[in-house]
C-alpha atoms as a PDB file:
ATOM      1  CA  MET A   1     -22.140  26.011  96.693  1.00  0.00           C
ATOM      2  CA  THR A   2     -23.726  27.274  93.146  1.00  0.00           C
ATOM      3  CA  GLU A   3     -26.372  24.472  91.658  1.00  0.00           C
ATOM      4  CA  ALA A   4     -23.973  24.425  88.890  1.00  0.00           C
ATOM      5  CA  TYR A   5     -21.182  23.782  90.828  1.00  0.00           C
ATOM      6  CA  ASN A   6     -23.594  20.850  92.403  1.00  0.00           C
ATOM      7  CA  ILE A   7     -23.999  19.460  89.218  1.00  0.00           C
ATOM      8  CA  TYR A   8     -20.195  19.035  88.709  1.00  0.00           C
ATOM      9  CA  ALA A   9     -19.830  17.165  92.476  1.00  0.00           C
ATOM     10  CA  ASP A  10     -22.269  14.531  92.120  1.00  0.00           C
ATOM     11  CA  GLY A  11     -19.685  12.418  92.216  1.00  0.00           C
ATOM     12  CA  THR A  12     -21.217  10.239  88.579  1.00  0.00           C
ATOM     13  CA  ASN A  13     -20.295  13.301  85.922  1.00  0.00           C
ATOM     14  CA  LYS A  14     -16.830  11.968  85.518  1.00  0.00           C
ATOM     15  CA  ASP A  15     -17.897   8.264  84.365  1.00  0.00           C
ATOM     16  CA  ASP A  16     -20.589   9.534  82.851  1.00  0.00           C
ATOM     17  CA  LEU A  17     -17.362  12.161  80.879  1.00  0.00           C
ATOM     18  CA  ILE A  18     -15.450   8.451  80.058  1.00  0.00           C
ATOM     19  CA  GLU A  19     -18.565   6.788  78.796  1.00  0.00           C
ATOM     20  CA  ILE A  20     -18.631   9.856  76.517  1.00  0.00           C
ATOM     21  CA  LYS A  21     -14.969   9.400  75.541  1.00  0.00           C
ATOM     22  CA  GLY A  22     -15.675   5.656  74.452  1.00  0.00           C
ATOM     23  CA  ALA A  23     -18.515   7.088  72.127  1.00  0.00           C
ATOM     24  CA  VAL A  24     -16.003   9.429  70.876  1.00  0.00           C
ATOM     25  CA  ILE A  25     -13.135   7.504  70.191  1.00  0.00           C
ATOM     26  CA  GLU A  26     -15.227   4.245  68.704  1.00  0.00           C
ATOM     27  CA  THR A  27     -17.307   7.133  66.038  1.00  0.00           C
ATOM     28  CA  VAL A  28     -13.639   8.829  64.684  1.00  0.00           C
ATOM     29  CA  ALA A  29     -12.632   5.276  64.366  1.00  0.00           C
ATOM     30  CA  LYS A  30     -15.885   4.244  61.773  1.00  0.00           C
ATOM     31  CA  THR A  31     -15.652   8.223  60.039  1.00  0.00           C
ATOM     32  CA  ALA A  32     -11.508   8.503  59.188  1.00  0.00           C
ATOM     33  CA  VAL A  33     -10.265   6.699  56.370  1.00  0.00           C
ATOM     34  CA  SER A  34      -6.709   6.966  58.104  1.00  0.00           C
ATOM     35  CA  MET A  35      -8.281   4.532  61.208  1.00  0.00           C
ATOM     36  CA  LYS A  36      -9.213   2.354  58.501  1.00  0.00           C
ATOM     37  CA  ILE A  37      -6.013   1.615  55.937  1.00  0.00           C
ATOM     38  CA  LYS A  38      -2.936   2.654  59.157  1.00  0.00           C
ATOM     39  CA  ASN A  39      -0.810   0.325  61.100  1.00  0.00           C
ATOM     40  CA  ARG A  40      -1.664  -2.650  63.522  1.00  0.00           C
ATOM     41  CA  TYR A  41       1.476  -3.750  63.989  1.00  0.00           C
ATOM     42  CA  GLY A  42       3.466  -1.968  65.588  1.00  0.00           C
ATOM     43  CA  VAL A  43       5.334  -2.378  68.531  1.00  0.00           C
ATOM     44  CA  GLY A  44       4.962  -0.206  71.945  1.00  0.00           C
ATOM     45  CA  ASP A  45       1.813   1.977  73.356  1.00  0.00           C
ATOM     46  CA  PRO A  46       1.621   4.993  72.526  1.00  0.00           C
ATOM     47  CA  ALA A  47       0.381   6.140  76.035  1.00  0.00           C
ATOM     48  CA  ALA A  48       5.075   6.178  76.241  1.00  0.00           C
ATOM     49  CA  GLY A  49       5.764   8.425  73.714  1.00  0.00           C
ATOM     50  CA  SER A  50       6.384   5.857  70.907  1.00  0.00           C
ATOM     51  CA  VAL A  51       5.402   2.912  68.764  1.00  0.00           C
ATOM     52  CA  THR A  52       8.275   0.786  66.516  1.00  0.00           C
ATOM     53  CA  TYR A  53       6.711  -0.979  63.351  1.00  0.00           C
ATOM     54  CA  ASP A  54       9.223  -3.867  61.714  1.00  0.00           C
ATOM     55  CA  ARG A  55       9.702  -4.172  58.322  1.00  0.00           C
ATOM     56  CA  PHE A  56      11.158  -7.324  57.430  1.00  0.00           C
ATOM     57  CA  LYS A  57      12.601  -8.308  54.069  1.00  0.00           C
ATOM     58  CA  THR A  58      11.527 -10.802  51.792  1.00  0.00           C
ATOM     59  CA  SER A  59      13.255 -14.302  52.269  1.00  0.00           C
ATOM     60  CA  ALA A  60      15.736 -15.600  49.783  1.00  0.00           C
ATOM     61  CA  SER A  61      14.940 -18.935  47.519  1.00  0.00           C
ATOM     62  CA  LYS A  62      17.567 -21.092  47.435  1.00  0.00           C
ATOM     63  CA  ALA A  63      19.085 -24.278  46.059  1.00  0.00           C
ATOM     64  CA  TYR A  64      17.707 -27.383  48.567  1.00  0.00           C
ATOM     65  CA  GLY A  65      21.191 -28.284  50.790  1.00  0.00           C
ATOM     66  CA  THR A  66      22.190 -24.675  50.692  1.00  0.00           C
ATOM     67  CA  ALA A  67      21.695 -24.017  54.521  1.00  0.00           C
ATOM     68  CA  ARG A  68      22.790 -28.027  55.464  1.00  0.00           C
ATOM     69  CA  THR A  69      26.477 -26.420  53.682  1.00  0.00           C
ATOM     70  CA  ALA A  70      26.539 -23.039  55.488  1.00  0.00           C
ATOM     71  CA  GLY A  71      25.439 -25.151  58.362  1.00  0.00           C
ATOM     72  CA  LYS A  72      22.301 -22.122  59.293  1.00  0.00           C
ATOM     73  CA  GLY A  73      19.492 -20.683  57.486  1.00  0.00           C
ATOM     74  CA  ASP A  74      19.633 -17.230  56.612  1.00  0.00           C
ATOM     75  CA  ALA A  75      19.007 -14.213  59.069  1.00  0.00           C
ATOM     76  CA  LEU A  76      16.135 -11.987  59.488  1.00  0.00           C
ATOM     77  CA  LYS A  77      17.162  -8.827  58.038  1.00  0.00           C
ATOM     78  CA  ASN A  78      15.369  -5.990  59.516  1.00  0.00           C
ATOM     79  CA  THR A  79      15.797  -3.498  57.401  1.00  0.00           C
ATOM     80  CA  GLY A  80      12.361  -1.297  57.312  1.00  0.00           C
ATOM     81  CA  LYS A  81      12.431  -0.258  61.147  1.00  0.00           C
ATOM     82  CA  VAL A  82      10.778   2.859  61.839  1.00  0.00           C
ATOM     83  CA  THR A  83       9.595   4.270  64.842  1.00  0.00           C
ATOM     84  CA  ASN A  84       7.082   6.482  65.304  1.00  0.00           C
ATOM     85  CA  ASN A  85       7.362   9.212  67.769  1.00  0.00           C
ATOM     86  CA  ILE A  86       3.516  10.844  69.501  1.00  0.00           C
ATOM     87  CA  SER A  87       4.351  14.255  69.540  1.00  0.00           C
ATOM     88  CA  ASP A  88       1.738  15.997  68.220  1.00  0.00           C
ATOM     89  CA  ARG A  89      -0.213  17.304  71.351  1.00  0.00           C
ATOM     90  CA  GLN A  90      -3.876  18.542  70.372  1.00  0.00           C
ATOM     91  CA  GLU A  91      -6.524  19.920  72.265  1.00  0.00           C
ATOM     92  CA  ILE A  92     -10.334  20.187  71.916  1.00  0.00           C
ATOM     93  CA  ILE A  93     -11.578  23.244  74.814  1.00  0.00           C
ATOM     94  CA  GLU A  94     -15.182  24.248  75.072  1.00  0.00           C
ATOM     95  CA  GLU A  95     -16.649  26.540  77.469  1.00  0.00           C
ATOM     96  CA  LEU A  96     -20.191  25.905  78.788  1.00  0.00           C
ATOM     97  CA  GLU A  97     -22.409  28.536  79.968  1.00  0.00           C
ATOM     98  CA  GLU A  98     -23.048  28.359  84.104  1.00  0.00           C
ATOM     99  CA  GLY A  99     -26.798  28.500  82.679  1.00  0.00           C
ATOM    100  CA  ASP A 100     -26.791  25.627  80.228  1.00  0.00           C
ATOM    101  CA  VAL A 101     -24.718  23.469  82.581  1.00  0.00           C
ATOM    102  CA  THR A 102     -28.279  24.177  85.516  1.00  0.00           C
ATOM    103  CA  ARG A 103     -30.101  23.574  82.790  1.00  0.00           C
ATOM    104  CA  PHE A 104     -29.053  20.965  80.835  1.00  0.00           C
ATOM    105  CA  GLY A 105     -26.124  19.235  82.428  1.00  0.00           C
ATOM    106  CA  VAL A 106     -22.458  18.494  82.207  1.00  0.00           C
ATOM    107  CA  VAL A 107     -22.952  14.909  79.995  1.00  0.00           C
ATOM    108  CA  ASP A 108     -25.711  16.023  78.254  1.00  0.00           C
ATOM    109  CA  LEU A 109     -24.344  19.438  77.002  1.00  0.00           C
ATOM    110  CA  VAL A 110     -21.218  17.513  76.382  1.00  0.00           C
ATOM    111  CA  GLU A 111     -23.361  14.990  74.116  1.00  0.00           C
ATOM    112  CA  ARG A 112     -24.510  17.617  72.428  1.00  0.00           C
ATOM    113  CA  ARG A 113     -20.747  18.688  70.786  1.00  0.00           C
ATOM    114  CA  GLN A 114     -19.990  14.765  70.447  1.00  0.00           C
ATOM    115  CA  ASN A 115     -20.744  15.337  66.656  1.00  0.00           C
ATOM    116  CA  GLY A 116     -18.279  18.716  66.427  1.00  0.00           C
ATOM    117  CA  GLU A 117     -15.510  16.478  68.763  1.00  0.00           C
ATOM    118  CA  VAL A 118     -15.500  13.864  65.995  1.00  0.00           C
ATOM    119  CA  ALA A 119     -15.784  15.807  62.794  1.00  0.00           C
ATOM    120  CA  SER A 120     -12.503  17.919  64.743  1.00  0.00           C
ATOM    121  CA  MET A 121     -10.985  14.929  65.153  1.00  0.00           C
ATOM    122  CA  VAL A 122     -11.267  13.600  61.815  1.00  0.00           C
ATOM    123  CA  ALA A 123     -10.525  16.435  60.000  1.00  0.00           C
ATOM    124  CA  TYR A 124      -7.102  16.431  61.974  1.00  0.00           C
ATOM    125  CA  LEU A 125      -5.988  12.469  61.755  1.00  0.00           C
ATOM    126  CA  ASP A 126      -7.091  12.404  58.110  1.00  0.00           C
ATOM    127  CA  GLY A 127      -5.392  15.735  56.994  1.00  0.00           C
ATOM    128  CA  LYS A 128      -1.895  14.001  58.960  1.00  0.00           C
ATOM    129  CA  PHE A 129      -2.199  10.918  57.824  1.00  0.00           C
ATOM    130  CA  PHE A 130      -2.734  12.287  54.267  1.00  0.00           C
ATOM    131  CA  ALA A 131       0.145  14.482  53.881  1.00  0.00           C
ATOM    132  CA  GLU A 132       2.138  12.887  55.284  1.00  0.00           C
ATOM    133  CA  ALA A 133       1.330   9.860  52.633  1.00  0.00           C
ATOM    134  CA  GLU A 134       1.546  12.326  50.038  1.00  0.00           C
ATOM    135  CA  SER A 135       5.025  13.880  50.978  1.00  0.00           C
ATOM    136  CA  LYS A 136       6.094  10.049  50.868  1.00  0.00           C
ATOM    137  CA  ALA A 137       4.577   8.872  48.016  1.00  0.00           C
ATOM    138  CA  THR A 138       5.451   8.897  44.507  1.00  0.00           C
ATOM    139  CA  ALA A 139       3.992  10.621  41.746  1.00  0.00           C
ATOM    140  CA  ILE A 140       1.850   8.747  38.463  1.00  0.00           C
ATOM    141  CA  ALA A 141       2.500  10.556  35.414  1.00  0.00           C
ATOM    142  CA  GLY A 142      -0.082  10.343  31.638  1.00  0.00           C
ATOM    143  CA  LEU A 143      -2.985  10.240  33.932  1.00  0.00           C
ATOM    144  CA  THR A 144      -5.670  12.669  32.418  1.00  0.00           C
ATOM    145  CA  THR A 145      -9.295  14.150  32.695  1.00  0.00           C
ATOM    146  CA  ASP A 146     -10.129  12.630  29.488  1.00  0.00           C
ATOM    147  CA  MET A 147      -9.664   9.207  30.144  1.00  0.00           C
ATOM    148  CA  LYS A 148     -12.128   6.507  32.180  1.00  0.00           C
ATOM    149  CA  ILE A 149     -12.460   6.331  34.878  1.00  0.00           C
ATOM    150  CA  GLU A 150     -12.274   2.753  35.216  1.00  0.00           C
ATOM    151  CA  ASP A 151      -8.242   3.308  33.063  1.00  0.00           C
ATOM    152  CA  ILE A 152      -7.482   5.315  35.741  1.00  0.00           C
ATOM    153  CA  ILE A 153      -7.903   3.499  38.422  1.00  0.00           C
ATOM    154  CA  GLU A 154      -6.589   0.352  37.086  1.00  0.00           C
ATOM    155  CA  LYS A 155      -3.340   2.384  36.250  1.00  0.00           C
ATOM    156  CA  VAL A 156      -3.370   2.904  40.032  1.00  0.00           C
ATOM    157  CA  ILE A 157      -3.484   0.072  40.531  1.00  0.00           C
ATOM    158  CA  GLN A 158      -0.818  -2.283  38.646  1.00  0.00           C
ATOM    159  CA  THR A 159       1.963   0.543  39.592  1.00  0.00           C
ATOM    160  CA  LEU A 160       1.353  -0.370  43.025  1.00  0.00           C
ATOM    161  CA  GLU A 161       0.735  -3.893  42.405  1.00  0.00           C
ATOM    162  CA  SER A 162       3.462  -4.197  40.688  1.00  0.00           C
ATOM    163  CA  VAL A 163       6.381  -3.316  43.124  1.00  0.00           C
ATOM    164  CA  LYS A 164       9.516  -5.293  43.457  1.00  0.00           C
ATOM    165  CA  ASN A 165      11.854  -4.906  45.931  1.00  0.00           C
ATOM    166  CA  ASP A 166      13.952  -5.828  49.462  1.00  0.00           C
ATOM    167  CA  TRP A 167      10.499  -6.117  50.609  1.00  0.00           C
ATOM    168  CA  VAL A 168       7.938  -7.044  48.839  1.00  0.00           C
ATOM    169  CA  ARG A 169       7.688  -9.199  45.536  1.00  0.00           C
ATOM    170  CA  GLY A 170       4.076  -7.236  44.526  1.00  0.00           C
ATOM    171  CA  VAL A 171       1.174  -6.364  46.768  1.00  0.00           C
ATOM    172  CA  PRO A 172      -1.795  -8.647  46.145  1.00  0.00           C
ATOM    173  CA  ARG A 173      -5.086  -6.525  45.241  1.00  0.00           C
ATOM    174  CA  ASN A 174      -7.000  -7.600  47.914  1.00  0.00           C
ATOM    175  CA  GLN A 175      -3.997  -5.715  49.924  1.00  0.00           C
ATOM    176  CA  ILE A 176      -4.452  -1.670  47.772  1.00  0.00           C
ATOM    177  CA  ARG A 177      -6.595   0.357  49.603  1.00  0.00           C
ATOM    178  CA  ILE A 178      -7.050   3.641  47.343  1.00  0.00           C
ATOM    179  CA  ALA A 179      -8.427   7.189  48.390  1.00  0.00           C
ATOM    180  CA  ALA A 180      -9.881   9.411  46.075  1.00  0.00           C
ATOM    181  CA  SER A 181     -11.571  13.023  45.918  1.00  0.00           C
ATOM    182  CA  PRO A 182     -15.431  13.014  46.247  1.00  0.00           C
ATOM    183  CA  ALA A 183     -15.108  13.797  42.330  1.00  0.00           C
ATOM    184  CA  ILE A 184     -13.272  11.019  41.225  1.00  0.00           C
ATOM    185  CA  PHE A 185     -15.133   8.856  43.676  1.00  0.00           C
ATOM    186  CA  GLY A 186     -18.179  10.140  42.415  1.00  0.00           C
ATOM    187  CA  LYS A 187     -17.116   9.159  38.958  1.00  0.00           C
ATOM    188  CA  LEU A 188     -16.130   5.464  39.852  1.00  0.00           C
ATOM    189  CA  SER A 189     -19.241   5.013  41.897  1.00  0.00           C
ATOM    190  CA  ASN A 190     -21.080   5.869  38.391  1.00  0.00           C
ATOM    191  CA  HIS A 191     -19.272   3.502  36.391  1.00  0.00           C
ATOM    192  CA  LEU A 192     -19.700   0.986  39.298  1.00  0.00           C
ATOM    193  CA  ASN A 193     -23.584   1.644  39.350  1.00  0.00           C
ATOM    194  CA  THR A 194     -23.603   0.402  35.219  1.00  0.00           C
ATOM    195  CA  ILE A 195     -22.049  -3.043  35.345  1.00  0.00           C
ATOM    196  CA  LYS A 196     -22.598  -4.792  39.318  1.00  0.00           C
ATOM    197  CA  ASN A 197     -23.655  -3.490  43.444  1.00  0.00           C
ATOM    198  CA  SER A 198     -20.192  -2.929  44.362  1.00  0.00           C
ATOM    199  CA  ILE A 199     -20.426   0.017  46.100  1.00  0.00           C
ATOM    200  CA  THR A 200     -20.797  -1.293  49.832  1.00  0.00           C
ATOM    201  CA  GLY A 201     -20.778   1.943  51.777  1.00  0.00           C
ATOM    202  CA  GLU A 202     -21.550   5.551  50.831  1.00  0.00           C
ATOM    203  CA  GLU A 203     -17.902   6.260  51.866  1.00  0.00           C
ATOM    204  CA  GLN A 204     -16.220   3.115  50.113  1.00  0.00           C
ATOM    205  CA  ALA A 205     -16.651   1.450  46.758  1.00  0.00           C
ATOM    206  CA  VAL A 206     -14.337  -2.528  46.134  1.00  0.00           C
ATOM    207  CA  PHE A 207     -12.936  -2.222  42.367  1.00  0.00           C
ATOM    208  CA  ASN A 208     -11.559  -4.939  40.767  1.00  0.00           C
ATOM    209  CA  GLY A 209      -9.722  -7.791  42.401  1.00  0.00           C
ATOM    210  CA  GLY A 210     -10.492  -6.917  46.119  1.00  0.00           C
ATOM    211  CA  VAL A 211      -8.982  -3.310  46.009  1.00  0.00           C
ATOM    212  CA  VAL A 212     -10.808  -1.181  48.487  1.00  0.00           C
ATOM    213  CA  VAL A 213     -11.660   2.544  47.481  1.00  0.00           C
ATOM    214  CA  TYR A 214     -12.632   5.628  50.176  1.00  0.00           C
ATOM    215  CA  GLU A 215     -13.824   8.898  49.393  1.00  0.00           C
ATOM    216  CA  ASN A 216     -12.085  11.395  50.965  1.00  0.00           C
ATOM    217  CA  ILE A 217     -11.969  14.951  51.094  1.00  0.00           C
ATOM    218  CA  ASN A 218      -8.968  15.275  53.447  1.00  0.00           C
ATOM    219  CA  GLN A 219      -6.101  14.861  50.738  1.00  0.00           C
ATOM    220  CA  THR A 220      -4.887  17.457  48.229  1.00  0.00           C
ATOM    221  CA  ALA A 221      -4.346  15.183  45.767  1.00  0.00           C
ATOM    222  CA  ASP A 222      -7.118  13.344  42.938  1.00  0.00           C
ATOM    223  CA  ILE A 223      -5.991  10.131  44.452  1.00  0.00           C
ATOM    224  CA  VAL A 224      -4.165   8.133  46.597  1.00  0.00           C
ATOM    225  CA  ALA A 225      -2.941   4.782  46.512  1.00  0.00           C
ATOM    226  CA  MET A 226      -1.690   2.653  49.163  1.00  0.00           C
ATOM    227  CA  HIS A 227      -0.512  -1.038  50.546  1.00  0.00           C
ATOM    228  CA  GLU A 228      -2.993  -1.099  53.468  1.00  0.00           C
ATOM    229  CA  GLY A 229      -0.586  -0.502  56.254  1.00  0.00           C
ATOM    230  CA  ALA A 230       1.794   2.044  54.561  1.00  0.00           C
ATOM    231  CA  VAL A 231       1.075   5.010  56.844  1.00  0.00           C
ATOM    232  CA  ALA A 232       1.544   4.143  60.827  1.00  0.00           C
ATOM    233  CA  GLN A 233      -0.642   6.634  62.734  1.00  0.00           C
ATOM    234  CA  ASP A 234      -0.817   6.241  66.468  1.00  0.00           C
ATOM    235  CA  VAL A 235      -3.123   8.347  68.438  1.00  0.00           C
ATOM    236  CA  ASN A 236      -3.779   8.692  72.399  1.00  0.00           C
ATOM    237  CA  VAL A 237      -7.199  10.048  73.611  1.00  0.00           C
ATOM    238  CA  ARG A 238      -6.944  11.329  77.301  1.00  0.00           C
ATOM    239  CA  ASP A 239     -10.129  10.949  79.492  1.00  0.00           C
ATOM    240  CA  TYR A 240     -12.062  14.486  79.316  1.00  0.00           C
ATOM    241  CA  THR A 241     -10.223  16.777  82.135  1.00  0.00           C
ATOM    242  CA  ASP A 242     -13.111  17.441  85.162  1.00  0.00           C
ATOM    243  CA  PRO A 243     -14.613  20.661  84.783  1.00  0.00           C
ATOM    244  CA  ALA A 244     -13.481  23.630  86.044  1.00  0.00           C
ATOM    245  CA  ARG A 245     -14.296  27.175  86.612  1.00  0.00           C
ATOM    246  CA  ILE A 246     -12.854  29.561  83.840  1.00  0.00           C
ATOM    247  CA  PRO A 247     -11.575  32.604  86.278  1.00  0.00           C
ATOM    248  CA  PHE A 248     -13.151  35.681  86.493  1.00  0.00           C
ATOM    249  CA  SER A 249     -16.783  34.332  84.836  1.00  0.00           C
ATOM    250  CA  SER A 250     -19.920  32.408  85.272  1.00  0.00           C
ATOM    251  CA  ALA A 251     -18.729  29.692  82.433  1.00  0.00           C
ATOM    252  CA  TYR A 252     -17.172  26.151  82.930  1.00  0.00           C
ATOM    253  CA  GLU A 253     -14.596  24.621  80.684  1.00  0.00           C
ATOM    254  CA  VAL A 254     -14.701  20.781  79.559  1.00  0.00           C
ATOM    255  CA  ALA A 255     -11.666  19.676  77.206  1.00  0.00           C
ATOM    256  CA  LEU A 256     -10.337  16.733  75.837  1.00  0.00           C
ATOM    257  CA  PHE A 257      -6.463  16.179  74.930  1.00  0.00           C
ATOM    258  CA  TYR A 258      -5.319  14.255  72.347  1.00  0.00           C
ATOM    259  CA  ASP A 259      -2.004  13.115  71.279  1.00  0.00           C
ATOM    260  CA  GLN A 260      -0.928  11.641  67.378  1.00  0.00           C
ATOM    261  CA  GLY A 261       1.642  10.470  65.968  1.00  0.00           C
ATOM    262  CA  THR A 262       2.306   9.706  61.649  1.00  0.00           C
ATOM    263  CA  LYS A 263       4.592   8.598  60.132  1.00  0.00           C
ATOM    264  CA  ALA A 264       4.744   5.749  56.970  1.00  0.00           C
ATOM    265  CA  VAL A 265       6.270   2.875  57.026  1.00  0.00           C
ATOM    266  CA  GLU A 266       6.235   1.531  53.245  1.00  0.00           C
ATOM    267  CA  PRO A 267       6.540   4.556  51.538  1.00  0.00           C
ATOM    268  CA  ASP A 268       7.945   2.608  48.489  1.00  0.00           C
ATOM    269  CA  LEU A 269       4.024   1.089  48.606  1.00  0.00           C
ATOM    270  CA  ILE A 270       2.417   4.274  47.832  1.00  0.00           C
ATOM    271  CA  PHE A 271       1.139   6.592  45.267  1.00  0.00           C
ATOM    272  CA  LYS A 272      -0.359   9.462  44.453  1.00  0.00           C
ATOM    273  CA  ALA A 273      -2.180  11.290  41.080  1.00  0.00           C
ATOM    274  CA  THR A 274      -3.123  14.309  39.990  1.00  0.00           C
ATOM    275  CA  LEU A 275      -5.452  14.034  36.681  1.00  0.00           C
ATOM    276  CA  THR A 276      -4.168  16.693  34.465  1.00  0.00           C
ATOM    277  CA  GLU A 277      -5.618  18.053  31.431  1.00  0.00           C
ATOM    278  CA  PRO A 278      -4.589  16.091  28.043  1.00  0.00           C
ATOM    279  CA  ALA A 279      -2.315  17.871  25.529  1.00  0.00           C
ATOM    280  CA  THR A 280      -4.017  19.736  22.825  1.00  0.00           C
ATOM    281  CA  SER A 281      -2.726  19.113  18.696  1.00  0.00           C
ATOM    282  CA  SER A 282      -1.788  22.097  17.220  1.00  0.00           C
ATOM    283  CA  GLU A 283      -2.417  22.045  13.128  1.00  0.00           C
END
């Protein structure tokens, strides 16, 4: 057995890799915009392959005595039930050269790759999340590049908060989440900095009435607005596999596998906007 192989066989490597996996998951949760605004009320275990999201029809107000006359109250109507299948399988597999493993050890090398793995998972999960959101979103027209940024954001907010249908009677502002491109987020940040200290972090700001705005590079629209929880994203991250020698080489591989499923559960509460150039008048 070579020295490098002994590093794998010392009995502590697996526990260390599990701890590193936990650190990766925690950092992804803090970094990915999707993790901050996704639906968290599903029923089921992602490891089992699917999670169900219930959406009940809103209650109806009726004249006093209606239930007594009918002998019963209104039955709950789960008219918006959605099942999210965790069927998208992903992997992060990297090769470790025997010489590097001998000098540093597997755990140190994997720890050095944490940032890369986090960036990869965040880009993928956010990309899937906002691709689903944008595919189901209703487009908001009439927003142009010459408008004030505060007027643009306010228009988006008012469009979403005014929705009334079988499931909602308007959306409270403190439940609205907006993801903005870097250019739009930068303009909003500059505006907020001129009136009050509303920037709560490098990647988010709080606008009128408690609307949280996130900076996001993983979307195509300038602005994506939704009710918090409008999109579900369930992720099942597996343990790092035990390092194994790659056939016909002196290198070893360390692999992290994860499965994910992303689905809009409130498509009626998702809106998007891409600013257009203002119309020019011809004389």
